[in-house]
PDB file of N, CA and C in Angstrom:
ATOM      1  N   MET A   1      -3.938  20.198  -9.274  1.00  0.00           N
ATOM      2  CA  MET A   1      -4.777  19.638  -8.275  1.00  0.00           C
ATOM      3  C   MET A   1      -3.873  19.141  -7.251  1.00  0.00           C
ATOM      4  N   VAL A   2      -3.980  19.319  -6.036  1.00  0.00           N
ATOM      5  CA  VAL A   2      -3.281  18.786  -4.948  1.00  0.00           C
ATOM      6  C   VAL A   2      -3.824  17.469  -4.371  1.00  0.00           C
ATOM      7  N   ARG A   3      -2.929  16.491  -4.266  1.00  0.00           N
ATOM      8  CA  ARG A   3      -3.341  15.283  -3.646  1.00  0.00           C
ATOM      9  C   ARG A   3      -3.384  15.351  -2.180  1.00  0.00           C
ATOM     10  N   MET A   4      -4.495  14.896  -1.653  1.00  0.00           N
ATOM     11  CA  MET A   4      -4.543  15.140  -0.126  1.00  0.00           C
ATOM     12  C   MET A   4      -3.887  13.955   0.672  1.00  0.00           C
ATOM     13  N   ASN A   5      -3.954  12.779   0.018  1.00  0.00           N
ATOM     14  CA  ASN A   5      -3.477  11.423   0.595  1.00  0.00           C
ATOM     15  C   ASN A   5      -2.701  10.697  -0.299  1.00  0.00           C
ATOM     16  N   VAL A   6      -1.429  10.903  -0.488  1.00  0.00           N
ATOM     17  CA  VAL A   6      -0.526  10.152  -1.588  1.00  0.00           C
ATOM     18  C   VAL A   6      -0.535   8.693  -1.157  1.00  0.00           C
ATOM     19  N   LEU A   7      -0.569   8.125   0.015  1.00  0.00           N
ATOM     20  CA  LEU A   7      -0.531   6.767   0.382  1.00  0.00           C
ATOM     21  C   LEU A   7      -1.899   6.126  -0.039  1.00  0.00           C
ATOM     22  N   ALA A   8      -2.901   6.876   0.182  1.00  0.00           N
ATOM     23  CA  ALA A   8      -4.248   6.274  -0.162  1.00  0.00           C
ATOM     24  C   ALA A   8      -4.455   6.081  -1.706  1.00  0.00           C
ATOM     25  N   ASP A   9      -3.789   7.205  -2.416  1.00  0.00           N
ATOM     26  CA  ASP A   9      -3.884   7.195  -3.821  1.00  0.00           C
ATOM     27  C   ASP A   9      -3.102   5.938  -4.451  1.00  0.00           C
ATOM     28  N   ALA A  10      -1.931   5.746  -3.819  1.00  0.00           N
ATOM     29  CA  ALA A  10      -0.957   4.749  -4.443  1.00  0.00           C
ATOM     30  C   ALA A  10      -1.651   3.388  -4.156  1.00  0.00           C
ATOM     31  N   LEU A  11      -2.222   3.114  -2.768  1.00  0.00           N
ATOM     32  CA  LEU A  11      -2.832   1.750  -2.549  1.00  0.00           C
ATOM     33  C   LEU A  11      -4.072   1.521  -3.371  1.00  0.00           C
ATOM     34  N   ARG A  12      -4.861   2.698  -3.557  1.00  0.00           N
ATOM     35  CA  ARG A  12      -6.025   2.593  -4.356  1.00  0.00           C
ATOM     36  C   ARG A  12      -5.821   2.245  -5.778  1.00  0.00           C
ATOM     37  N   SER A  13      -4.741   2.780  -6.357  1.00  0.00           N
ATOM     38  CA  SER A  13      -4.536   2.327  -7.801  1.00  0.00           C
ATOM     39  C   SER A  13      -4.040   0.835  -7.920  1.00  0.00           C
ATOM     40  N   ILE A  14      -3.026   0.666  -6.849  1.00  0.00           N
ATOM     41  CA  ILE A  14      -2.555  -0.846  -6.943  1.00  0.00           C
ATOM     42  C   ILE A  14      -3.901  -1.653  -6.793  1.00  0.00           C
ATOM     43  N   ASN A  15      -4.653  -1.485  -5.942  1.00  0.00           N
ATOM     44  CA  ASN A  15      -5.841  -2.412  -5.638  1.00  0.00           C
ATOM     45  C   ASN A  15      -6.731  -2.511  -6.895  1.00  0.00           C
ATOM     46  N   ASN A  16      -7.072  -1.207  -7.417  1.00  0.00           N
ATOM     47  CA  ASN A  16      -8.014  -1.212  -8.677  1.00  0.00           C
ATOM     48  C   ASN A  16      -7.321  -2.002  -9.891  1.00  0.00           C
ATOM     49  N   THR A  17      -5.977  -1.737 -10.039  1.00  0.00           N
ATOM     50  CA  THR A  17      -5.293  -2.536 -11.189  1.00  0.00           C
ATOM     51  C   THR A  17      -5.366  -3.935 -10.950  1.00  0.00           C
ATOM     52  N   GLU A  18      -5.233  -4.437  -9.755  1.00  0.00           N
ATOM     53  CA  GLU A  18      -5.281  -5.999  -9.401  1.00  0.00           C
ATOM     54  C   GLU A  18      -6.521  -6.379  -9.615  1.00  0.00           C
ATOM     55  N   LYS A  19      -7.645  -5.772  -9.243  1.00  0.00           N
ATOM     56  CA  LYS A  19      -8.973  -6.174  -9.559  1.00  0.00           C
ATOM     57  C   LYS A  19      -9.255  -6.348 -10.992  1.00  0.00           C
ATOM     58  N   ARG A  20      -8.786  -5.442 -11.753  1.00  0.00           N
ATOM     59  CA  ARG A  20      -8.951  -5.457 -13.282  1.00  0.00           C
ATOM     60  C   ARG A  20      -8.113  -6.565 -13.921  1.00  0.00           C
ATOM     61  N   GLY A  21      -7.177  -7.107 -13.245  1.00  0.00           N
ATOM     62  CA  GLY A  21      -6.393  -8.162 -13.740  1.00  0.00           C
ATOM     63  C   GLY A  21      -5.259  -7.780 -14.624  1.00  0.00           C
ATOM     64  N   LYS A  22      -4.798  -6.624 -14.547  1.00  0.00           N
ATOM     65  CA  LYS A  22      -3.476  -6.088 -15.129  1.00  0.00           C
ATOM     66  C   LYS A  22      -2.309  -6.532 -14.591  1.00  0.00           C
ATOM     67  N   ARG A  23      -1.095  -6.327 -15.299  1.00  0.00           N
ATOM     68  CA  ARG A  23       0.060  -6.947 -14.706  1.00  0.00           C
ATOM     69  C   ARG A  23       0.930  -5.702 -14.401  1.00  0.00           C
ATOM     70  N   HIS A  24       0.626  -4.549 -14.786  1.00  0.00           N
ATOM     71  CA  HIS A  24       1.688  -3.403 -14.455  1.00  0.00           C
ATOM     72  C   HIS A  24       0.739  -2.171 -14.034  1.00  0.00           C
ATOM     73  N   VAL A  25       1.288  -1.376 -13.023  1.00  0.00           N
ATOM     74  CA  VAL A  25       0.633  -0.107 -12.669  1.00  0.00           C
ATOM     75  C   VAL A  25       1.749   0.999 -12.492  1.00  0.00           C
ATOM     76  N   LEU A  26       1.294   2.077 -12.869  1.00  0.00           N
ATOM     77  CA  LEU A  26       2.223   3.241 -12.842  1.00  0.00           C
ATOM     78  C   LEU A  26       1.729   4.084 -11.579  1.00  0.00           C
ATOM     79  N   ILE A  27       2.505   4.321 -10.568  1.00  0.00           N
ATOM     80  CA  ILE A  27       1.941   5.051  -9.395  1.00  0.00           C
ATOM     81  C   ILE A  27       2.917   6.381  -9.409  1.00  0.00           C
ATOM     82  N   ARG A  28       2.024   7.429  -9.226  1.00  0.00           N
ATOM     83  CA  ARG A  28       2.624   8.811  -9.149  1.00  0.00           C
ATOM     84  C   ARG A  28       1.902   9.685  -8.299  1.00  0.00           C
ATOM     85  N   PRO A  29       2.345  10.562  -7.487  1.00  0.00           N
ATOM     86  CA  PRO A  29       3.717  10.615  -6.943  1.00  0.00           C
ATOM     87  C   PRO A  29       3.790   9.425  -5.820  1.00  0.00           C
ATOM     88  N   CYS A  30       4.960   8.985  -5.805  1.00  0.00           N
ATOM     89  CA  CYS A  30       5.066   7.832  -4.867  1.00  0.00           C
ATOM     90  C   CYS A  30       6.450   7.776  -4.314  1.00  0.00           C
ATOM     91  N   SER A  31       6.709   7.313  -3.234  1.00  0.00           N
ATOM     92  CA  SER A  31       8.010   6.788  -2.594  1.00  0.00           C
ATOM     93  C   SER A  31       8.276   5.511  -2.379  1.00  0.00           C
ATOM     94  N   ASN A  32       9.480   5.083  -2.069  1.00  0.00           N
ATOM     95  CA  ASN A  32       9.935   3.820  -2.018  1.00  0.00           C
ATOM     96  C   ASN A  32       9.512   3.243  -0.807  1.00  0.00           C
ATOM     97  N   VAL A  33       9.069   3.839   0.267  1.00  0.00           N
ATOM     98  CA  VAL A  33       8.423   3.522   1.581  1.00  0.00           C
ATOM     99  C   VAL A  33       7.001   2.855   1.236  1.00  0.00           C
ATOM    100  N   VAL A  34       6.296   3.268   0.315  1.00  0.00           N
ATOM    101  CA  VAL A  34       5.084   2.847   0.076  1.00  0.00           C
ATOM    102  C   VAL A  34       5.035   1.353  -0.409  1.00  0.00           C
ATOM    103  N   ILE A  35       5.950   1.041  -1.253  1.00  0.00           N
ATOM    104  CA  ILE A  35       5.990  -0.078  -2.046  1.00  0.00           C
ATOM    105  C   ILE A  35       6.876  -1.181  -1.153  1.00  0.00           C
ATOM    106  N   ARG A  36       7.667  -0.834  -0.404  1.00  0.00           N
ATOM    107  CA  ARG A  36       8.641  -1.953   0.188  1.00  0.00           C
ATOM    108  C   ARG A  36       7.882  -2.860   1.001  1.00  0.00           C
ATOM    109  N   PRO A  37       7.117  -2.700   1.839  1.00  0.00           N
ATOM    110  CA  PRO A  37       6.252  -3.721   2.799  1.00  0.00           C
ATOM    111  C   PRO A  37       5.557  -4.542   1.804  1.00  0.00           C
ATOM    112  N   CYS A  38       5.079  -4.190   0.779  1.00  0.00           N
ATOM    113  CA  CYS A  38       4.149  -5.100  -0.131  1.00  0.00           C
ATOM    114  C   CYS A  38       5.132  -5.954  -0.968  1.00  0.00           C
ATOM    115  N   SER A  39       6.363  -5.500  -1.246  1.00  0.00           N
ATOM    116  CA  SER A  39       7.288  -6.290  -1.988  1.00  0.00           C
ATOM    117  C   SER A  39       7.945  -7.297  -1.072  1.00  0.00           C
ATOM    118  N   ASN A  40       8.132  -6.879   0.165  1.00  0.00           N
ATOM    119  CA  ASN A  40       8.867  -7.596   1.049  1.00  0.00           C
ATOM    120  C   ASN A  40       8.066  -9.040   1.400  1.00  0.00           C
ATOM    121  N   HIS A  41       6.608  -8.904   1.415  1.00  0.00           N
ATOM    122  CA  HIS A  41       5.742  -9.996   1.847  1.00  0.00           C
ATOM    123  C   HIS A  41       5.280 -10.792   0.497  1.00  0.00           C
ATOM    124  N   GLY A  42       5.761 -10.311  -0.681  1.00  0.00           N
ATOM    125  CA  GLY A  42       5.517 -10.984  -1.925  1.00  0.00           C
ATOM    126  C   GLY A  42       4.135 -10.771  -2.544  1.00  0.00           C
ATOM    127  N   TYR A  43       3.417  -9.596  -2.147  1.00  0.00           N
ATOM    128  CA  TYR A  43       2.265  -9.217  -2.696  1.00  0.00           C
ATOM    129  C   TYR A  43       2.391  -8.605  -4.074  1.00  0.00           C
ATOM    130  N   ILE A  44       3.510  -8.043  -4.324  1.00  0.00           N
ATOM    131  CA  ILE A  44       3.739  -7.461  -5.497  1.00  0.00           C
ATOM    132  C   ILE A  44       5.095  -7.804  -6.143  1.00  0.00           C
ATOM    133  N   GLY A  45       5.270  -7.734  -7.238  1.00  0.00           N
ATOM    134  CA  GLY A  45       6.610  -8.196  -7.896  1.00  0.00           C
ATOM    135  C   GLY A  45       7.688  -7.244  -7.734  1.00  0.00           C
ATOM    136  N   GLU A  46       8.445  -7.067  -8.823  1.00  0.00           N
ATOM    137  CA  GLU A  46       9.532  -6.244  -8.831  1.00  0.00           C
ATOM    138  C   GLU A  46       8.758  -4.672  -9.295  1.00  0.00           C
ATOM    139  N   PHE A  47       9.754  -3.632  -8.950  1.00  0.00           N
ATOM    140  CA  PHE A  47       9.189  -2.480  -9.221  1.00  0.00           C
ATOM    141  C   PHE A  47      10.499  -1.578  -9.837  1.00  0.00           C
ATOM    142  N   GLU A  48      10.162  -0.663 -10.564  1.00  0.00           N
ATOM    143  CA  GLU A  48      11.110   0.135 -11.095  1.00  0.00           C
ATOM    144  C   GLU A  48      10.860   1.718 -10.802  1.00  0.00           C
ATOM    145  N   ILE A  49      11.874   2.325 -10.221  1.00  0.00           N
ATOM    146  CA  ILE A  49      11.630   3.695  -9.821  1.00  0.00           C
ATOM    147  C   ILE A  49      12.099   4.679 -10.975  1.00  0.00           C
ATOM    148  N   ILE A  50      11.216   5.468 -11.487  1.00  0.00           N
ATOM    149  CA  ILE A  50      11.439   6.563 -12.595  1.00  0.00           C
ATOM    150  C   ILE A  50      11.779   7.800 -11.840  1.00  0.00           C
ATOM    151  N   ASP A  51      12.978   8.272 -11.928  1.00  0.00           N
ATOM    152  CA  ASP A  51      13.336   9.593 -11.392  1.00  0.00           C
ATOM    153  C   ASP A  51      12.906  10.691 -12.473  1.00  0.00           C
ATOM    154  N   ASP A  52      11.841  11.535 -12.286  1.00  0.00           N
ATOM    155  CA  ASP A  52      11.344  12.565 -13.093  1.00  0.00           C
ATOM    156  C   ASP A  52      11.883  13.887 -12.561  1.00  0.00           C
ATOM    157  N   HIS A  53      12.756  13.953 -11.599  1.00  0.00           N
ATOM    158  CA  HIS A  53      13.076  15.102 -10.774  1.00  0.00           C
ATOM    159  C   HIS A  53      11.933  15.973 -10.298  1.00  0.00           C
ATOM    160  N   ARG A  54      10.887  15.201  -9.916  1.00  0.00           N
ATOM    161  CA  ARG A  54       9.642  15.802  -9.307  1.00  0.00           C
ATOM    162  C   ARG A  54       9.455  14.872  -8.092  1.00  0.00           C
ATOM    163  N   ALA A  55       8.145  14.332  -7.966  1.00  0.00           N
ATOM    164  CA  ALA A  55       7.865  13.567  -6.906  1.00  0.00           C
ATOM    165  C   ALA A  55       8.191  11.992  -6.914  1.00  0.00           C
ATOM    166  N   GLY A  56       8.468  11.682  -8.485  1.00  0.00           N
ATOM    167  CA  GLY A  56       8.717  10.416  -8.608  1.00  0.00           C
ATOM    168  C   GLY A  56       7.658   9.561  -9.064  1.00  0.00           C
ATOM    169  N   LYS A  57       7.947   8.699  -9.953  1.00  0.00           N
ATOM    170  CA  LYS A  57       7.029   7.530 -10.435  1.00  0.00           C
ATOM    171  C   LYS A  57       7.490   6.167 -10.228  1.00  0.00           C
ATOM    172  N   ILE A  58       6.698   5.161  -9.808  1.00  0.00           N
ATOM    173  CA  ILE A  58       7.148   3.869  -9.715  1.00  0.00           C
ATOM    174  C   ILE A  58       6.214   3.003 -10.526  1.00  0.00           C
ATOM    175  N   VAL A  59       6.838   2.076 -11.501  1.00  0.00           N
ATOM    176  CA  VAL A  59       6.084   1.049 -12.163  1.00  0.00           C
ATOM    177  C   VAL A  59       6.262  -0.176 -11.434  1.00  0.00           C
ATOM    178  N   VAL A  60       5.050  -0.765 -11.045  1.00  0.00           N
ATOM    179  CA  VAL A  60       5.057  -1.969 -10.082  1.00  0.00           C
ATOM    180  C   VAL A  60       4.396  -3.179 -11.070  1.00  0.00           C
ATOM    181  N   ASN A  61       5.080  -4.300 -11.082  1.00  0.00           N
ATOM    182  CA  ASN A  61       4.678  -5.570 -11.675  1.00  0.00           C
ATOM    183  C   ASN A  61       3.898  -6.234 -10.664  1.00  0.00           C
ATOM    184  N   LEU A  62       2.399  -6.522 -10.903  1.00  0.00           N
ATOM    185  CA  LEU A  62       1.725  -7.137 -10.033  1.00  0.00           C
ATOM    186  C   LEU A  62       1.777  -8.750 -10.229  1.00  0.00           C
ATOM    187  N   THR A  63       1.633  -9.470  -9.090  1.00  0.00           N
ATOM    188  CA  THR A  63       1.694 -10.899  -9.177  1.00  0.00           C
ATOM    189  C   THR A  63       0.321 -11.478  -8.953  1.00  0.00           C
ATOM    190  N   GLY A  64      -0.723 -10.985  -8.564  1.00  0.00           N
ATOM    191  CA  GLY A  64      -2.142 -11.507  -8.527  1.00  0.00           C
ATOM    192  C   GLY A  64      -2.354 -12.075  -7.314  1.00  0.00           C
ATOM    193  N   ARG A  65      -1.487 -11.937  -6.247  1.00  0.00           N
ATOM    194  CA  ARG A  65      -1.764 -12.428  -4.829  1.00  0.00           C
ATOM    195  C   ARG A  65      -2.367 -11.532  -3.957  1.00  0.00           C
ATOM    196  N   LEU A  66      -2.582 -10.259  -4.404  1.00  0.00           N
ATOM    197  CA  LEU A  66      -3.232  -9.213  -3.483  1.00  0.00           C
ATOM    198  C   LEU A  66      -4.682  -9.386  -3.512  1.00  0.00           C
ATOM    199  N   ASN A  67      -5.202  -9.343  -2.334  1.00  0.00           N
ATOM    200  CA  ASN A  67      -6.723  -9.423  -2.117  1.00  0.00           C
ATOM    201  C   ASN A  67      -7.387  -8.070  -1.916  1.00  0.00           C
ATOM    202  N   LYS A  68      -6.806  -7.279  -0.963  1.00  0.00           N
ATOM    203  CA  LYS A  68      -7.199  -5.926  -0.722  1.00  0.00           C
ATOM    204  C   LYS A  68      -6.078  -5.125   0.159  1.00  0.00           C
ATOM    205  N   CYS A  69      -6.057  -3.834  -0.379  1.00  0.00           N
ATOM    206  CA  CYS A  69      -5.049  -3.028   0.463  1.00  0.00           C
ATOM    207  C   CYS A  69      -5.788  -1.884   0.569  1.00  0.00           C
ATOM    208  N   GLY A  70      -5.320  -0.982   1.685  1.00  0.00           N
ATOM    209  CA  GLY A  70      -6.060   0.246   1.730  1.00  0.00           C
ATOM    210  C   GLY A  70      -5.406   1.028   2.906  1.00  0.00           C
ATOM    211  N   VAL A  71      -6.100   2.180   3.260  1.00  0.00           N
ATOM    212  CA  VAL A  71      -5.579   3.050   4.253  1.00  0.00           C
ATOM    213  C   VAL A  71      -6.664   3.327   5.382  1.00  0.00           C
ATOM    214  N   ILE A  72      -6.209   3.296   6.542  1.00  0.00           N
ATOM    215  CA  ILE A  72      -7.241   3.712   7.626  1.00  0.00           C
ATOM    216  C   ILE A  72      -7.320   5.316   7.669  1.00  0.00           C
ATOM    217  N   SER A  73      -8.375   5.787   7.387  1.00  0.00           N
ATOM    218  CA  SER A  73      -8.546   7.330   7.433  1.00  0.00           C
ATOM    219  C   SER A  73      -9.777   7.727   8.150  1.00  0.00           C
ATOM    220  N   PRO A  74      -9.749   8.622   9.015  1.00  0.00           N
ATOM    221  CA  PRO A  74      -8.651   9.365   9.501  1.00  0.00           C
ATOM    222  C   PRO A  74      -7.454   8.686  10.312  1.00  0.00           C
ATOM    223  N   ARG A  75      -6.347   9.160  10.389  1.00  0.00           N
ATOM    224  CA  ARG A  75      -5.288   8.476  11.159  1.00  0.00           C
ATOM    225  C   ARG A  75      -5.527   8.693  12.469  1.00  0.00           C
ATOM    226  N   PHE A  76      -5.561   7.538  13.162  1.00  0.00           N
ATOM    227  CA  PHE A  76      -5.880   7.432  14.627  1.00  0.00           C
ATOM    228  C   PHE A  76      -4.475   7.287  15.410  1.00  0.00           C
ATOM    229  N   ASP A  77      -4.554   7.980  16.598  1.00  0.00           N
ATOM    230  CA  ASP A  77      -3.455   7.641  17.495  1.00  0.00           C
ATOM    231  C   ASP A  77      -3.492   6.205  18.208  1.00  0.00           C
ATOM    232  N   VAL A  78      -2.690   5.477  18.110  1.00  0.00           N
ATOM    233  CA  VAL A  78      -2.563   4.083  18.532  1.00  0.00           C
ATOM    234  C   VAL A  78      -1.584   3.840  19.593  1.00  0.00           C
ATOM    235  N   GLN A  79      -1.911   3.584  20.897  1.00  0.00           N
ATOM    236  CA  GLN A  79      -0.896   3.373  21.795  1.00  0.00           C
ATOM    237  C   GLN A  79      -0.487   1.866  21.848  1.00  0.00           C
ATOM    238  N   LEU A  80       0.636   1.597  22.196  1.00  0.00           N
ATOM    239  CA  LEU A  80       1.242   0.254  22.289  1.00  0.00           C
ATOM    240  C   LEU A  80       0.372  -0.814  22.996  1.00  0.00           C
ATOM    241  N   LYS A  81      -0.228  -0.373  24.064  1.00  0.00           N
ATOM    242  CA  LYS A  81      -1.196  -1.213  24.745  1.00  0.00           C
ATOM    243  C   LYS A  81      -2.383  -1.562  24.017  1.00  0.00           C
ATOM    244  N   ASP A  82      -2.827  -0.752  22.900  1.00  0.00           N
ATOM    245  CA  ASP A  82      -4.144  -0.922  22.231  1.00  0.00           C
ATOM    246  C   ASP A  82      -3.784  -1.504  20.974  1.00  0.00           C
ATOM    247  N   LEU A  83      -2.635  -1.978  20.662  1.00  0.00           N
ATOM    248  CA  LEU A  83      -2.237  -2.361  19.357  1.00  0.00           C
ATOM    249  C   LEU A  83      -2.924  -3.714  19.009  1.00  0.00           C
ATOM    250  N   GLU A  84      -3.014  -4.517  19.942  1.00  0.00           N
ATOM    251  CA  GLU A  84      -3.655  -5.925  19.557  1.00  0.00           C
ATOM    252  C   GLU A  84      -5.158  -5.762  19.456  1.00  0.00           C
ATOM    253  N   LYS A  85      -5.795  -4.813  20.162  1.00  0.00           N
ATOM    254  CA  LYS A  85      -7.268  -4.549  19.773  1.00  0.00           C
ATOM    255  C   LYS A  85      -7.435  -4.099  18.582  1.00  0.00           C
ATOM    256  N   TRP A  86      -6.631  -3.211  17.945  1.00  0.00           N
ATOM    257  CA  TRP A  86      -6.652  -2.579  16.624  1.00  0.00           C
ATOM    258  C   TRP A  86      -6.476  -3.614  15.628  1.00  0.00           C
ATOM    259  N   GLN A  87      -5.475  -4.599  15.863  1.00  0.00           N
ATOM    260  CA  GLN A  87      -5.154  -5.661  15.083  1.00  0.00           C
ATOM    261  C   GLN A  87      -6.449  -6.601  14.884  1.00  0.00           C
ATOM    262  N   ASN A  88      -7.137  -6.856  16.084  1.00  0.00           N
ATOM    263  CA  ASN A  88      -8.332  -7.811  15.939  1.00  0.00           C
ATOM    264  C   ASN A  88      -9.419  -7.136  15.235  1.00  0.00           C
ATOM    265  N   ASN A  89      -9.553  -5.792  15.360  1.00  0.00           N
ATOM    266  CA  ASN A  89     -10.617  -5.184  14.666  1.00  0.00           C
ATOM    267  C   ASN A  89     -10.448  -5.054  13.052  1.00  0.00           C
ATOM    268  N   LEU A  90      -9.082  -4.899  12.703  1.00  0.00           N
ATOM    269  CA  LEU A  90      -8.902  -4.545  11.244  1.00  0.00           C
ATOM    270  C   LEU A  90      -8.642  -5.607  10.585  1.00  0.00           C
ATOM    271  N   LEU A  91      -7.945  -6.702  10.925  1.00  0.00           N
ATOM    272  CA  LEU A  91      -7.591  -7.914  10.189  1.00  0.00           C
ATOM    273  C   LEU A  91      -8.539  -8.894  10.081  1.00  0.00           C
ATOM    274  N   PRO A  92      -8.727  -9.565   8.958  1.00  0.00           N
ATOM    275  CA  PRO A  92      -9.812 -10.558   8.940  1.00  0.00           C
ATOM    276  C   PRO A  92      -9.837 -11.770   9.661  1.00  0.00           C
ATOM    277  N   SER A  93      -8.541 -12.112   9.919  1.00  0.00           N
ATOM    278  CA  SER A  93      -8.386 -13.492  10.492  1.00  0.00           C
ATOM    279  C   SER A  93      -6.825 -13.362  11.347  1.00  0.00           C
ATOM    280  N   ARG A  94      -6.763 -14.287  12.330  1.00  0.00           N
ATOM    281  CA  ARG A  94      -5.436 -14.167  13.119  1.00  0.00           C
ATOM    282  C   ARG A  94      -4.171 -14.286  12.267  1.00  0.00           C
ATOM    283  N   GLN A  95      -4.240 -15.273  11.317  1.00  0.00           N
ATOM    284  CA  GLN A  95      -2.814 -15.339  10.651  1.00  0.00           C
ATOM    285  C   GLN A  95      -2.906 -14.867   9.219  1.00  0.00           C
ATOM    286  N   PHE A  96      -3.646 -13.899   8.915  1.00  0.00           N
ATOM    287  CA  PHE A  96      -4.039 -13.291   7.543  1.00  0.00           C
ATOM    288  C   PHE A  96      -3.965 -11.855   7.601  1.00  0.00           C
ATOM    289  N   GLY A  97      -3.011 -11.403   6.871  1.00  0.00           N
ATOM    290  CA  GLY A  97      -2.984 -10.105   6.541  1.00  0.00           C
ATOM    291  C   GLY A  97      -1.725  -9.328   7.282  1.00  0.00           C
ATOM    292  N   PHE A  98      -1.598  -7.973   7.058  1.00  0.00           N
ATOM    293  CA  PHE A  98      -0.435  -7.222   7.699  1.00  0.00           C
ATOM    294  C   PHE A  98      -0.937  -5.891   8.040  1.00  0.00           C
ATOM    295  N   ILE A  99      -0.379  -5.278   8.953  1.00  0.00           N
ATOM    296  CA  ILE A  99      -0.688  -3.901   9.310  1.00  0.00           C
ATOM    297  C   ILE A  99       0.453  -3.298   9.240  1.00  0.00           C
ATOM    298  N   VAL A 100       0.582  -2.123   8.364  1.00  0.00           N
ATOM    299  CA  VAL A 100       1.860  -1.163   8.513  1.00  0.00           C
ATOM    300  C   VAL A 100       1.687  -0.026   9.211  1.00  0.00           C
ATOM    301  N   LEU A 101       2.380   0.184  10.265  1.00  0.00           N
ATOM    302  CA  LEU A 101       2.149   1.625  11.142  1.00  0.00           C
ATOM    303  C   LEU A 101       3.255   2.399  10.612  1.00  0.00           C
ATOM    304  N   THR A 102       2.767   3.776  10.603  1.00  0.00           N
ATOM    305  CA  THR A 102       3.597   4.812  10.355  1.00  0.00           C
ATOM    306  C   THR A 102       3.667   5.846  11.584  1.00  0.00           C
ATOM    307  N   THR A 103       4.863   6.716  11.557  1.00  0.00           N
ATOM    308  CA  THR A 103       4.742   7.769  12.560  1.00  0.00           C
ATOM    309  C   THR A 103       4.449   9.133  12.127  1.00  0.00           C
TER     310      THR A 103
END
């Protein structure tokens, strides 16, 4: 079966595992780019990359600090001048949460 959105699958599995109160989650297929922003801001703990010579697996240690994570789908074209408007619409508060933009 083909995965349509790898980023959405990874964030959904992290979110569901965090809600269940577990401490570890296995994400596959996944790349380092998905996990790095969450790790830099302290929402997840350490992670271990398992090289299976395919798409890769990552075992993530959860810290319990994550409230919600997800993907905006469909992907919208956002111009630089409209970035603050999108930020106000998506984030719950002015100093709460992060938006990760991809190209």
